[in-house]
Amino acid sequence: MKKTRNRAKQITSLQDRLNVFADDIFHRAARLPPGVERDQLLKRARTAEIAADIDQWVSSSGLQSPT
């Protein structure tokens, strides 16, 4: 039996989803006391922000293939 792939159509862009995720993580980390768990959440949020920036950079019109 062949498995079918679950294909979901994304409504929002990757950059928007990453920014919302990062904001959510930052707010969760703000409620925690300083410690390892908070540091891990902040690192995850920063990683999501960097990924959103890279996605924006890659999809920008400034990058064009050589002619």
N, C-alpha and C. Protein backbone atom coordinates (compact mmCIF):
# COMPACT_ATOMS: atom_id res chain seq x y z
N MET A 1 0.85 -1.17 0.00
CA MET A 1 0.00 0.00 0.00
C MET A 1 0.90 1.24 0.00
N LYS A 2 0.57 2.16 -0.85
CA LYS A 2 1.33 3.38 -1.00
C LYS A 2 0.77 4.47 -0.11
N LYS A 3 1.64 5.13 0.67
CA LYS A 3 1.20 6.22 1.52
C LYS A 3 1.11 7.50 0.71
N THR A 4 0.08 8.27 0.98
CA THR A 4 -0.05 9.56 0.30
C THR A 4 0.49 10.65 1.22
N ARG A 5 1.02 11.63 0.61
CA ARG A 5 1.61 12.74 1.35
C ARG A 5 0.54 13.76 1.71
N ASN A 6 0.60 14.24 2.94
CA ASN A 6 -0.34 15.26 3.39
C ASN A 6 0.12 16.61 2.85
N ARG A 7 -0.56 17.12 1.88
CA ARG A 7 -0.19 18.39 1.26
C ARG A 7 -1.16 19.48 1.70
N ALA A 8 -0.65 20.36 2.52
CA ALA A 8 -1.48 21.46 3.01
C ALA A 8 -1.05 22.75 2.33
N LYS A 9 -2.01 23.50 1.89
CA LYS A 9 -1.73 24.79 1.26
C LYS A 9 -1.53 25.82 2.36
N GLN A 10 -0.36 26.45 2.37
CA GLN A 10 -0.06 27.45 3.39
C GLN A 10 -0.74 28.77 3.01
N ILE A 11 -1.40 29.37 3.97
CA ILE A 11 -2.11 30.61 3.72
C ILE A 11 -1.18 31.81 3.89
N THR A 12 -0.30 31.74 4.88
CA THR A 12 0.63 32.84 5.14
C THR A 12 2.03 32.45 4.65
N SER A 13 2.85 33.46 4.44
CA SER A 13 4.20 33.21 3.95
C SER A 13 5.08 32.61 5.04
N LEU A 14 6.15 31.98 4.64
CA LEU A 14 7.09 31.40 5.58
C LEU A 14 7.65 32.47 6.50
N GLN A 15 7.97 33.62 5.94
CA GLN A 15 8.52 34.71 6.74
C GLN A 15 7.53 35.16 7.82
N ASP A 16 6.26 35.28 7.48
CA ASP A 16 5.25 35.67 8.46
C ASP A 16 5.10 34.62 9.55
N ARG A 17 5.08 33.35 9.15
CA ARG A 17 4.95 32.28 10.14
C ARG A 17 6.16 32.23 11.07
N LEU A 18 7.35 32.45 10.54
CA LEU A 18 8.54 32.46 11.39
C LEU A 18 8.53 33.64 12.35
N ASN A 19 8.09 34.80 11.88
CA ASN A 19 8.03 35.97 12.76
C ASN A 19 7.01 35.79 13.88
N VAL A 20 5.85 35.21 13.57
CA VAL A 20 4.84 34.96 14.60
C VAL A 20 5.37 33.94 15.61
N PHE A 21 6.04 32.90 15.11
CA PHE A 21 6.63 31.91 15.99
C PHE A 21 7.66 32.54 16.92
N ALA A 22 8.54 33.38 16.37
CA ALA A 22 9.58 34.03 17.17
C ALA A 22 8.96 34.95 18.23
N ASP A 23 7.93 35.72 17.86
CA ASP A 23 7.27 36.60 18.82
C ASP A 23 6.64 35.80 19.96
N ASP A 24 6.00 34.69 19.60
CA ASP A 24 5.38 33.83 20.61
C ASP A 24 6.44 33.29 21.58
N ILE A 25 7.55 32.85 21.06
CA ILE A 25 8.62 32.29 21.90
C ILE A 25 9.22 33.38 22.78
N PHE A 26 9.43 34.59 22.24
CA PHE A 26 9.96 35.69 23.04
C PHE A 26 9.02 36.01 24.22
N HIS A 27 7.71 36.01 23.97
CA HIS A 27 6.76 36.30 25.04
C HIS A 27 6.76 35.19 26.10
N ARG A 28 6.87 33.94 25.66
CA ARG A 28 6.95 32.84 26.62
C ARG A 28 8.21 32.93 27.45
N ALA A 29 9.33 33.30 26.81
CA ALA A 29 10.61 33.40 27.53
C ALA A 29 10.59 34.56 28.52
N ALA A 30 9.87 35.62 28.20
CA ALA A 30 9.82 36.79 29.08
C ALA A 30 9.14 36.46 30.41
N ARG A 31 8.25 35.47 30.40
CA ARG A 31 7.55 35.10 31.62
C ARG A 31 8.34 34.14 32.50
N LEU A 32 9.44 33.60 31.98
CA LEU A 32 10.24 32.66 32.75
C LEU A 32 11.34 33.37 33.52
N PRO A 33 11.75 32.80 34.64
CA PRO A 33 12.89 33.37 35.36
C PRO A 33 14.18 33.04 34.60
N PRO A 34 15.24 33.83 34.82
CA PRO A 34 16.51 33.53 34.15
C PRO A 34 16.94 32.09 34.44
N GLY A 35 17.42 31.44 33.41
CA GLY A 35 17.85 30.05 33.57
C GLY A 35 18.04 29.38 32.23
N VAL A 36 18.26 28.09 32.29
CA VAL A 36 18.56 27.31 31.09
C VAL A 36 17.36 27.27 30.14
N GLU A 37 16.16 27.04 30.68
CA GLU A 37 14.98 26.94 29.82
C GLU A 37 14.72 28.25 29.08
N ARG A 38 14.87 29.37 29.77
CA ARG A 38 14.68 30.68 29.14
C ARG A 38 15.72 30.91 28.05
N ASP A 39 16.98 30.57 28.33
CA ASP A 39 18.03 30.73 27.34
C ASP A 39 17.77 29.90 26.08
N GLN A 40 17.26 28.68 26.28
CA GLN A 40 16.95 27.82 25.13
C GLN A 40 15.82 28.41 24.29
N LEU A 41 14.80 28.96 24.96
CA LEU A 41 13.70 29.58 24.22
C LEU A 41 14.17 30.81 23.45
N LEU A 42 15.01 31.63 24.08
CA LEU A 42 15.52 32.81 23.40
C LEU A 42 16.38 32.42 22.19
N LYS A 43 17.16 31.36 22.33
CA LYS A 43 17.98 30.90 21.21
C LYS A 43 17.10 30.43 20.06
N ARG A 44 16.02 29.72 20.39
CA ARG A 44 15.08 29.26 19.36
C ARG A 44 14.42 30.43 18.65
N ALA A 45 14.05 31.45 19.41
CA ALA A 45 13.41 32.63 18.82
C ALA A 45 14.38 33.37 17.91
N ARG A 46 15.63 33.51 18.35
CA ARG A 46 16.62 34.18 17.50
C ARG A 46 16.87 33.40 16.22
N THR A 47 16.88 32.07 16.33
CA THR A 47 17.06 31.23 15.14
C THR A 47 15.92 31.43 14.16
N ALA A 48 14.70 31.53 14.66
CA ALA A 48 13.54 31.75 13.79
C ALA A 48 13.62 33.13 13.12
N GLU A 49 14.06 34.14 13.85
CA GLU A 49 14.22 35.47 13.26
C GLU A 49 15.28 35.46 12.17
N ILE A 50 16.38 34.77 12.40
CA ILE A 50 17.45 34.67 11.40
C ILE A 50 16.93 33.95 10.17
N ALA A 51 16.16 32.89 10.37
CA ALA A 51 15.60 32.15 9.24
C ALA A 51 14.66 33.04 8.42
N ALA A 52 13.87 33.88 9.09
CA ALA A 52 12.97 34.80 8.39
C ALA A 52 13.78 35.82 7.59
N ASP A 53 14.87 36.31 8.18
CA ASP A 53 15.73 37.27 7.47
C ASP A 53 16.37 36.62 6.25
N ILE A 54 16.83 35.39 6.39
CA ILE A 54 17.44 34.69 5.26
C ILE A 54 16.41 34.45 4.17
N ASP A 55 15.19 34.05 4.55
CA ASP A 55 14.13 33.84 3.57
C ASP A 55 13.83 35.13 2.80
N GLN A 56 13.79 36.25 3.52
CA GLN A 56 13.55 37.54 2.87
C GLN A 56 14.70 37.88 1.92
N TRP A 57 15.93 37.62 2.35
CA TRP A 57 17.10 37.93 1.53
C TRP A 57 17.11 37.08 0.26
N VAL A 58 16.81 35.79 0.41
CA VAL A 58 16.84 34.89 -0.74
C VAL A 58 15.74 35.23 -1.74
N SER A 59 14.58 35.63 -1.24
CA SER A 59 13.46 35.90 -2.15
C SER A 59 13.41 37.36 -2.62
N SER A 60 14.39 38.17 -2.25
CA SER A 60 14.38 39.56 -2.67
C SER A 60 14.69 39.69 -4.15
N SER A 61 14.25 40.79 -4.73
CA SER A 61 14.49 41.02 -6.15
C SER A 61 15.92 41.51 -6.40
N GLY A 62 16.64 41.85 -5.35
CA GLY A 62 18.03 42.29 -5.51
C GLY A 62 18.95 41.18 -5.97
N LEU A 63 18.59 39.94 -5.66
CA LEU A 63 19.38 38.80 -6.11
C LEU A 63 18.87 38.37 -7.48
N GLN A 64 19.72 38.48 -8.45
CA GLN A 64 19.35 38.06 -9.79
C GLN A 64 20.48 37.24 -10.38
N SER A 65 20.10 36.29 -11.21
CA SER A 65 21.11 35.45 -11.83
C SER A 65 21.89 36.26 -12.87
N PRO A 66 23.16 35.92 -13.07
CA PRO A 66 23.95 36.66 -14.05
C PRO A 66 23.40 36.49 -15.46
N THR A 67 23.55 37.52 -16.26
CA THR A 67 23.05 37.45 -17.64
C THR A 67 24.18 37.16 -18.61
